[in-house]
C-alpha atoms as a PDB file:
ATOM      1  CA  MET A   1      74.780 113.024  77.797  1.00  0.00           C
ATOM      2  CA  LYS A   2      73.325 109.528  77.625  1.00  0.00           C
ATOM      3  CA  ASN A   3      71.931 110.101  74.108  1.00  0.00           C
ATOM      4  CA  VAL A   4      75.183 111.732  72.984  1.00  0.00           C
ATOM      5  CA  ASN A   5      77.098 108.674  74.144  1.00  0.00           C
ATOM      6  CA  ILE A   6      74.761 106.356  72.217  1.00  0.00           C
ATOM      7  CA  ASP A   7      75.234 108.489  69.102  1.00  0.00           C
ATOM      8  CA  GLU A   8      79.011 108.222  69.502  1.00  0.00           C
ATOM      9  CA  ILE A   9      78.835 104.440  69.888  1.00  0.00           C
ATOM     10  CA  ASN A  10      76.724 104.196  66.751  1.00  0.00           C
ATOM     11  CA  LEU A  11      79.162 106.405  64.823  1.00  0.00           C
ATOM     12  CA  GLN A  12      82.051 104.186  65.839  1.00  0.00           C
ATOM     13  CA  ARG A  13      80.284 100.915  65.042  1.00  0.00           C
ATOM     14  CA  ASN A  14      79.024 102.198  61.689  1.00  0.00           C
ATOM     15  CA  TYR A  15      82.592 103.174  60.806  1.00  0.00           C
ATOM     16  CA  TYR A  16      83.797  99.621  61.461  1.00  0.00           C
ATOM     17  CA  LYS A  17      80.861  98.128  59.574  1.00  0.00           C
ATOM     18  CA  LYS A  18      81.746 100.195  56.513  1.00  0.00           C
ATOM     19  CA  THR A  19      85.478  99.517  56.717  1.00  0.00           C
ATOM     20  CA  SER A  20      85.455  95.905  57.955  1.00  0.00           C
ATOM     21  CA  ASP A  21      86.771  94.498  54.665  1.00  0.00           C
ATOM     22  CA  GLN A  22      89.702  96.954  54.784  1.00  0.00           C
ATOM     23  CA  TYR A  23      90.206  96.843  58.545  1.00  0.00           C
ATOM     24  CA  GLU A  24      93.515  94.987  58.614  1.00  0.00           C
ATOM     25  CA  LYS A  25      95.093  97.121  55.891  1.00  0.00           C
ATOM     26  CA  MET A  26      93.956 100.298  57.635  1.00  0.00           C
ATOM     27  CA  HIS A  27      95.083  99.234  61.102  1.00  0.00           C
ATOM     28  CA  ASN A  28      98.697  98.149  60.711  1.00  0.00           C
ATOM     29  CA  GLU A  29      99.281  94.669  59.334  1.00  0.00           C
ATOM     30  CA  ASP A  30     103.011  95.176  59.913  1.00  0.00           C
ATOM     31  CA  GLU A  31     104.230  92.860  62.662  1.00  0.00           C
ATOM     32  CA  ALA A  32     106.859  95.464  63.541  1.00  0.00           C
ATOM     33  CA  ASP A  33     104.246  97.985  64.757  1.00  0.00           C
ATOM     34  CA  GLU A  34     103.629  98.977  68.366  1.00  0.00           C
ATOM     35  CA  GLN A  35     100.722  96.594  68.973  1.00  0.00           C
ATOM     36  CA  TYR A  36     102.616  93.529  67.781  1.00  0.00           C
ATOM     37  CA  PHE A  37     105.535  94.654  69.940  1.00  0.00           C
ATOM     38  CA  ALA A  38     103.136  94.764  72.897  1.00  0.00           C
ATOM     39  CA  LEU A  39     101.679  91.365  71.959  1.00  0.00           C
ATOM     40  CA  ALA A  40     105.174  89.875  71.891  1.00  0.00           C
ATOM     41  CA  CYS A  41     105.894  91.374  75.320  1.00  0.00           C
ATOM     42  CA  LEU A  42     102.678  89.891  76.686  1.00  0.00           C
ATOM     43  CA  ALA A  43     103.417  86.478  75.183  1.00  0.00           C
ATOM     44  CA  GLY A  44     106.827  86.533  76.836  1.00  0.00           C
ATOM     45  CA  LEU A  45     105.257  87.275  80.222  1.00  0.00           C
ATOM     46  CA  THR A  46     102.768  84.410  80.194  1.00  0.00           C
ATOM     47  CA  ASN A  47     105.237  81.822  81.486  1.00  0.00           C
ATOM     48  CA  TYR A  48     106.528  84.150  84.198  1.00  0.00           C
ATOM     49  CA  LEU A  49     102.960  84.856  85.378  1.00  0.00           C
ATOM     50  CA  LYS A  50     101.810  81.238  84.847  1.00  0.00           C
ATOM     51  CA  ILE A  51      98.927  82.384  82.678  1.00  0.00           C
ATOM     52  CA  GLU A  52      96.437  79.735  81.533  1.00  0.00           C
ATOM     53  CA  SER A  53      93.603  81.955  80.258  1.00  0.00           C
ATOM     54  CA  ILE A  54      93.398  85.372  78.590  1.00  0.00           C
ATOM     55  CA  LEU A  55      90.506  87.686  77.709  1.00  0.00           C
ATOM     56  CA  ASP A  56      91.190  90.258  74.976  1.00  0.00           C
ATOM     57  CA  VAL A  57      88.827  93.253  75.022  1.00  0.00           C
ATOM     58  CA  GLY A  58      88.052  94.794  71.625  1.00  0.00           C
ATOM     59  CA  SER A  59      89.562  92.128  69.376  1.00  0.00           C
ATOM     60  CA  GLY A  60      88.445  93.511  66.015  1.00  0.00           C
ATOM     61  CA  THR A  61      89.035  90.817  63.392  1.00  0.00           C
ATOM     62  CA  GLY A  62      91.038  88.688  65.811  1.00  0.00           C
ATOM     63  CA  ARG A  63      94.554  89.533  64.568  1.00  0.00           C
ATOM     64  CA  GLY A  64      95.853  89.726  68.118  1.00  0.00           C
ATOM     65  CA  LEU A  65      94.132  86.470  69.048  1.00  0.00           C
ATOM     66  CA  LYS A  66      95.814  84.642  66.175  1.00  0.00           C
ATOM     67  CA  TYR A  67      99.208  86.086  67.055  1.00  0.00           C
ATOM     68  CA  LEU A  68      98.908  85.141  70.727  1.00  0.00           C
ATOM     69  CA  LYS A  69      97.645  81.680  69.814  1.00  0.00           C
ATOM     70  CA  LYS A  70     100.694  81.177  67.602  1.00  0.00           C
ATOM     71  CA  LEU A  71     103.066  82.140  70.419  1.00  0.00           C
ATOM     72  CA  CYS A  72     101.055  80.608  73.302  1.00  0.00           C
ATOM     73  CA  PRO A  73      99.182  77.604  71.842  1.00  0.00           C
ATOM     74  CA  LYS A  74      98.375  76.034  75.222  1.00  0.00           C
ATOM     75  CA  ILE A  75      96.649  79.102  76.670  1.00  0.00           C
ATOM     76  CA  LYS A  76      92.867  79.517  76.467  1.00  0.00           C
ATOM     77  CA  ILE A  77      92.302  82.870  74.719  1.00  0.00           C
ATOM     78  CA  ILE A  78      88.908  84.536  74.207  1.00  0.00           C
ATOM     79  CA  GLY A  79      88.293  87.846  72.464  1.00  0.00           C
ATOM     80  CA  ILE A  80      85.208  90.056  72.598  1.00  0.00           C
ATOM     81  CA  GLU A  81      84.181  92.355  69.750  1.00  0.00           C
ATOM     82  CA  PRO A  82      80.802  94.168  69.509  1.00  0.00           C
ATOM     83  CA  VAL A  83      80.898  94.750  65.734  1.00  0.00           C
ATOM     84  CA  LYS A  84      79.475  91.731  63.919  1.00  0.00           C
ATOM     85  CA  GLU A  85      81.123  92.618  60.603  1.00  0.00           C
ATOM     86  CA  LEU A  86      84.591  92.568  62.173  1.00  0.00           C
ATOM     87  CA  ARG A  87      83.912  89.216  63.800  1.00  0.00           C
ATOM     88  CA  GLU A  88      82.764  87.842  60.450  1.00  0.00           C
ATOM     89  CA  VAL A  89      86.073  88.856  58.864  1.00  0.00           C
ATOM     90  CA  GLY A  90      87.861  86.994  61.639  1.00  0.00           C
ATOM     91  CA  TYR A  91      85.762  83.868  61.156  1.00  0.00           C
ATOM     92  CA  SER A  92      86.485  83.922  57.409  1.00  0.00           C
ATOM     93  CA  GLN A  93      90.200  83.914  58.266  1.00  0.00           C
ATOM     94  CA  GLY A  94      89.934  80.885  60.508  1.00  0.00           C
ATOM     95  CA  VAL A  95      89.279  82.354  63.957  1.00  0.00           C
ATOM     96  CA  PRO A  96      86.871  79.955  65.742  1.00  0.00           C
ATOM     97  CA  LYS A  97      83.504  81.491  66.618  1.00  0.00           C
ATOM     98  CA  GLU A  98      83.812  80.354  70.213  1.00  0.00           C
ATOM     99  CA  GLU A  99      87.081  82.311  70.534  1.00  0.00           C
ATOM    100  CA  LEU A 100      85.830  85.621  69.077  1.00  0.00           C
ATOM    101  CA  ILE A 101      82.469  86.519  70.576  1.00  0.00           C
ATOM    102  CA  ASP A 102      80.102  89.448  70.953  1.00  0.00           C
ATOM    103  CA  GLY A 103      80.655  91.539  74.062  1.00  0.00           C
ATOM    104  CA  ASP A 104      80.404  94.953  75.714  1.00  0.00           C
ATOM    105  CA  ALA A 105      83.650  96.268  77.216  1.00  0.00           C
ATOM    106  CA  THR A 106      81.728  98.363  79.759  1.00  0.00           C
ATOM    107  CA  LYS A 107      79.812  95.321  81.032  1.00  0.00           C
ATOM    108  CA  LEU A 108      81.838  92.146  80.609  1.00  0.00           C
ATOM    109  CA  ASN A 109      79.652  89.070  80.752  1.00  0.00           C
ATOM    110  CA  PHE A 110      82.088  87.040  82.839  1.00  0.00           C
ATOM    111  CA  ARG A 111      82.501  86.106  86.498  1.00  0.00           C
ATOM    112  CA  ASN A 112      84.888  87.855  88.859  1.00  0.00           C
ATOM    113  CA  SER A 113      88.468  86.578  88.336  1.00  0.00           C
ATOM    114  CA  GLU A 114      87.351  84.301  85.476  1.00  0.00           C
ATOM    115  CA  PHE A 115      90.524  84.904  83.419  1.00  0.00           C
ATOM    116  CA  ASP A 116      94.119  84.877  84.610  1.00  0.00           C
ATOM    117  CA  LEU A 117      94.876  87.941  82.494  1.00  0.00           C
ATOM    118  CA  VAL A 118      92.715  90.537  80.733  1.00  0.00           C
ATOM    119  CA  CYS A 119      94.191  92.731  78.001  1.00  0.00           C
ATOM    120  CA  GLU A 120      93.382  95.359  75.390  1.00  0.00           C
ATOM    121  CA  PHE A 121      95.285  96.639  72.367  1.00  0.00           C
ATOM    122  CA  ALA A 122      94.374 100.111  71.028  1.00  0.00           C
ATOM    123  CA  THR A 123      90.791  99.862  72.288  1.00  0.00           C
ATOM    124  CA  LEU A 124      90.589 102.282  75.219  1.00  0.00           C
ATOM    125  CA  HIS A 125      91.128 105.416  73.137  1.00  0.00           C
ATOM    126  CA  HIS A 126      87.921 104.550  71.276  1.00  0.00           C
ATOM    127  CA  LEU A 127      85.826 104.442  74.455  1.00  0.00           C
ATOM    128  CA  ARG A 128      84.599 107.517  76.326  1.00  0.00           C
ATOM    129  CA  ASN A 129      84.292 105.783  79.703  1.00  0.00           C
ATOM    130  CA  ASN A 130      87.719 104.154  79.832  1.00  0.00           C
ATOM    131  CA  LYS A 131      87.634 104.047  83.648  1.00  0.00           C
ATOM    132  CA  LEU A 132      84.547 101.820  83.633  1.00  0.00           C
ATOM    133  CA  VAL A 133      86.170  99.524  81.066  1.00  0.00           C
ATOM    134  CA  VAL A 134      89.351  99.204  83.125  1.00  0.00           C
ATOM    135  CA  ASP A 135      87.243  98.525  86.249  1.00  0.00           C
ATOM    136  CA  GLU A 136      85.587  95.657  84.381  1.00  0.00           C
ATOM    137  CA  MET A 137      88.934  94.338  83.150  1.00  0.00           C
ATOM    138  CA  LEU A 138      90.251  94.383  86.715  1.00  0.00           C
ATOM    139  CA  ARG A 139      87.127  92.656  87.984  1.00  0.00           C
ATOM    140  CA  VAL A 140      87.321  89.642  85.685  1.00  0.00           C
ATOM    141  CA  SER A 141      91.120  89.268  85.910  1.00  0.00           C
ATOM    142  CA  LYS A 142      92.651  86.975  88.504  1.00  0.00           C
ATOM    143  CA  LYS A 143      96.378  87.604  88.125  1.00  0.00           C
ATOM    144  CA  ALA A 144      97.040  90.571  85.857  1.00  0.00           C
ATOM    145  CA  ILE A 145      95.825  93.274  83.497  1.00  0.00           C
ATOM    146  CA  PHE A 146      97.708  94.422  80.384  1.00  0.00           C
ATOM    147  CA  ILE A 147      96.816  97.535  78.383  1.00  0.00           C
ATOM    148  CA  SER A 148      98.580  98.762  75.255  1.00  0.00           C
ATOM    149  CA  ASP A 149      97.418 102.106  73.930  1.00  0.00           C
ATOM    150  CA  CYS A 150      98.361 105.686  73.123  1.00  0.00           C
ATOM    151  CA  ASN A 151      99.680 108.481  75.315  1.00  0.00           C
ATOM    152  CA  ASN A 152      98.284 111.807  74.097  1.00  0.00           C
ATOM    153  CA  LEU A 153     100.919 113.796  76.021  1.00  0.00           C
ATOM    154  CA  GLY A 154     103.744 112.014  74.201  1.00  0.00           C
ATOM    155  CA  THR A 155     102.643 112.694  70.615  1.00  0.00           C
ATOM    156  CA  GLY A 156     103.741 115.459  68.285  1.00  0.00           C
ATOM    157  CA  SER A 157     106.860 117.607  68.112  1.00  0.00           C
ATOM    158  CA  LYS A 158     108.896 118.540  71.186  1.00  0.00           C
ATOM    159  CA  VAL A 159     107.261 121.976  71.227  1.00  0.00           C
ATOM    160  CA  MET A 160     103.767 120.512  70.910  1.00  0.00           C
ATOM    161  CA  ARG A 161     104.442 118.021  73.687  1.00  0.00           C
ATOM    162  CA  SER A 162     105.642 120.849  75.939  1.00  0.00           C
ATOM    163  CA  ILE A 163     102.468 122.836  75.274  1.00  0.00           C
ATOM    164  CA  LYS A 164     100.333 119.796  76.046  1.00  0.00           C
ATOM    165  CA  GLN A 165     102.168 119.129  79.291  1.00  0.00           C
ATOM    166  CA  ILE A 166     101.783 122.762  80.401  1.00  0.00           C
ATOM    167  CA  LEU A 167      98.043 122.591  79.717  1.00  0.00           C
ATOM    168  CA  TYR A 168      97.868 119.303  81.614  1.00  0.00           C
ATOM    169  CA  ALA A 169      99.818 120.692  84.586  1.00  0.00           C
ATOM    170  CA  LEU A 170      97.521 123.745  84.711  1.00  0.00           C
ATOM    171  CA  ARG A 171      94.468 121.427  84.545  1.00  0.00           C
ATOM    172  CA  LEU A 172      93.412 123.032  81.278  1.00  0.00           C
ATOM    173  CA  TRP A 173      93.641 119.876  79.179  1.00  0.00           C
ATOM    174  CA  LYS A 174      89.885 119.183  79.136  1.00  0.00           C
ATOM    175  CA  LEU A 175      89.157 122.769  78.133  1.00  0.00           C
ATOM    176  CA  ALA A 176      91.757 122.610  75.357  1.00  0.00           C
ATOM    177  CA  ASP A 177      90.320 119.333  74.100  1.00  0.00           C
ATOM    178  CA  PHE A 178      86.790 120.794  74.233  1.00  0.00           C
ATOM    179  CA  ILE A 179      87.915 123.692  72.049  1.00  0.00           C
ATOM    180  CA  LYS A 180      89.918 121.466  69.676  1.00  0.00           C
ATOM    181  CA  THR A 181      86.975 119.099  69.101  1.00  0.00           C
ATOM    182  CA  LYS A 182      84.405 121.932  68.981  1.00  0.00           C
ATOM    183  CA  GLY A 183      82.642 120.584  72.026  1.00  0.00           C
ATOM    184  CA  LYS A 184      82.265 117.017  70.792  1.00  0.00           C
ATOM    185  CA  GLY A 185      85.071 115.569  72.893  1.00  0.00           C
ATOM    186  CA  TYR A 186      86.192 113.272  70.083  1.00  0.00           C
ATOM    187  CA  THR A 187      87.685 113.284  66.601  1.00  0.00           C
ATOM    188  CA  LEU A 188      86.507 111.320  63.582  1.00  0.00           C
ATOM    189  CA  SER A 189      89.030 110.227  60.967  1.00  0.00           C
ATOM    190  CA  GLU A 190      89.243 107.833  58.036  1.00  0.00           C
ATOM    191  CA  GLY A 191      92.153 105.966  59.530  1.00  0.00           C
ATOM    192  CA  ASP A 192      90.968 105.529  63.123  1.00  0.00           C
ATOM    193  CA  GLY A 193      87.251 106.178  63.214  1.00  0.00           C
ATOM    194  CA  LEU A 194      85.935 107.865  66.346  1.00  0.00           C
ATOM    195  CA  ALA A 195      88.665 108.447  68.928  1.00  0.00           C
ATOM    196  CA  TYR A 196      89.066 110.315  72.194  1.00  0.00           C
ATOM    197  CA  SER A 197      92.128 112.105  73.507  1.00  0.00           C
ATOM    198  CA  TYR A 198      93.567 109.404  75.745  1.00  0.00           C
ATOM    199  CA  SER A 199      96.666 108.382  77.672  1.00  0.00           C
ATOM    200  CA  VAL A 200      97.444 105.023  79.277  1.00  0.00           C
ATOM    201  CA  PHE A 201      98.652 107.068  82.250  1.00  0.00           C
ATOM    202  CA  THR A 202      95.036 108.176  82.792  1.00  0.00           C
ATOM    203  CA  ASN A 203      94.327 104.740  84.272  1.00  0.00           C
ATOM    204  CA  TYR A 204      97.650 104.313  86.111  1.00  0.00           C
ATOM    205  CA  ARG A 205      96.400 105.114  89.642  1.00  0.00           C
ATOM    206  CA  GLN A 206      93.240 103.104  89.070  1.00  0.00           C
ATOM    207  CA  ILE A 207      95.259 100.025  88.134  1.00  0.00           C
ATOM    208  CA  LYS A 208      97.875 100.658  90.833  1.00  0.00           C
ATOM    209  CA  SER A 209      95.154 100.653  93.519  1.00  0.00           C
ATOM    210  CA  SER A 210      94.110  97.113  92.514  1.00  0.00           C
ATOM    211  CA  CYS A 211      97.528  95.629  91.798  1.00  0.00           C
ATOM    212  CA  LYS A 212     100.597  94.828  93.865  1.00  0.00           C
ATOM    213  CA  SER A 213     102.909  96.111  91.152  1.00  0.00           C
ATOM    214  CA  VAL A 214     102.681  98.075  87.899  1.00  0.00           C
ATOM    215  CA  HIS A 215     105.218  97.926  85.051  1.00  0.00           C
ATOM    216  CA  ILE A 216     105.460 100.312  82.083  1.00  0.00           C
ATOM    217  CA  ILE A 217     107.218 100.027  78.721  1.00  0.00           C
ATOM    218  CA  ASN A 218     107.209 102.220  75.611  1.00  0.00           C
ATOM    219  CA  THR A 219     106.140 100.297  72.507  1.00  0.00           C
ATOM    220  CA  LYS A 220     107.531 102.945  70.135  1.00  0.00           C
ATOM    221  CA  ASP A 221     110.845 104.753  70.447  1.00  0.00           C
ATOM    222  CA  ALA A 222     110.959 107.390  73.199  1.00  0.00           C
ATOM    223  CA  ASP A 223     113.304 109.225  75.557  1.00  0.00           C
ATOM    224  CA  ILE A 224     113.823 108.355  79.215  1.00  0.00           C
ATOM    225  CA  ASN A 225     110.710 110.187  80.460  1.00  0.00           C
ATOM    226  CA  LEU A 226     107.931 108.056  78.984  1.00  0.00           C
ATOM    227  CA  PHE A 227     105.128 110.262  80.310  1.00  0.00           C
ATOM    228  CA  LYS A 228     106.462 113.159  78.233  1.00  0.00           C
ATOM    229  CA  THR A 229     107.917 111.422  75.164  1.00  0.00           C
ATOM    230  CA  ALA A 230     106.309 108.010  74.518  1.00  0.00           C
ATOM    231  CA  SER A 231     103.431 108.107  72.045  1.00  0.00           C
ATOM    232  CA  HIS A 232     102.463 104.497  72.799  1.00  0.00           C
ATOM    233  CA  ILE A 233     102.665 102.664  76.102  1.00  0.00           C
ATOM    234  CA  ALA A 234     102.118  99.124  77.387  1.00  0.00           C
ATOM    235  CA  LEU A 235     101.231  98.815  81.062  1.00  0.00           C
ATOM    236  CA  LEU A 236     101.146  95.607  83.083  1.00  0.00           C
ATOM    237  CA  GLY A 237      99.436  95.437  86.455  1.00  0.00           C
ATOM    238  CA  ILE A 238     100.130  92.325  88.556  1.00  0.00           C
ATOM    239  CA  LYS A 239      97.678  91.502  91.334  1.00  0.00           C
END
């Protein structure tokens, strides 16, 4: 499994190397999309939480960093991104090198509670061991953690969502995903590279166990039951 995981990491990083010059066009430049909605929500929470420092995990070209900096100019914001080519695009667009640095999400090179808040935007569904990543985010956060990502059970038609939820309730989801991906456990696409079937709710209990309160919002339109109908979710855990 160790070698398989390394192969998957290399596949993902090679995808971003090849597409780095098209990254922003391929990954939603529209400031009305779900990630910018989540960024705006986070920016609005910084005063309430008295946030003075933020770590963004998986920053890509630094689009999110620039957006947060624009809305929260007094906050110290650092982003980590393991793909050099994506960082280079960010630097060419004016992101300071000291604010967009190399880093491994599964082993954050920071002290415990070093940042007031640690966040990620559409990164966890690209990582097989999302639990380890969230553990690291919780470790280096002092006040809060904020994740904005997809919810696999809330995508597709109403019928498809019902089928998914039945499989999940019967604990057959992993088997179904194994069959769907022909044993690989991931999909590979032009638009999103290597991705795993993932839901923000996967890490809910993990975050709840380390935080005093957890707050959830849909970042794309959904019905009242977000678990069943929201394709994208932002989750805030306050310590």
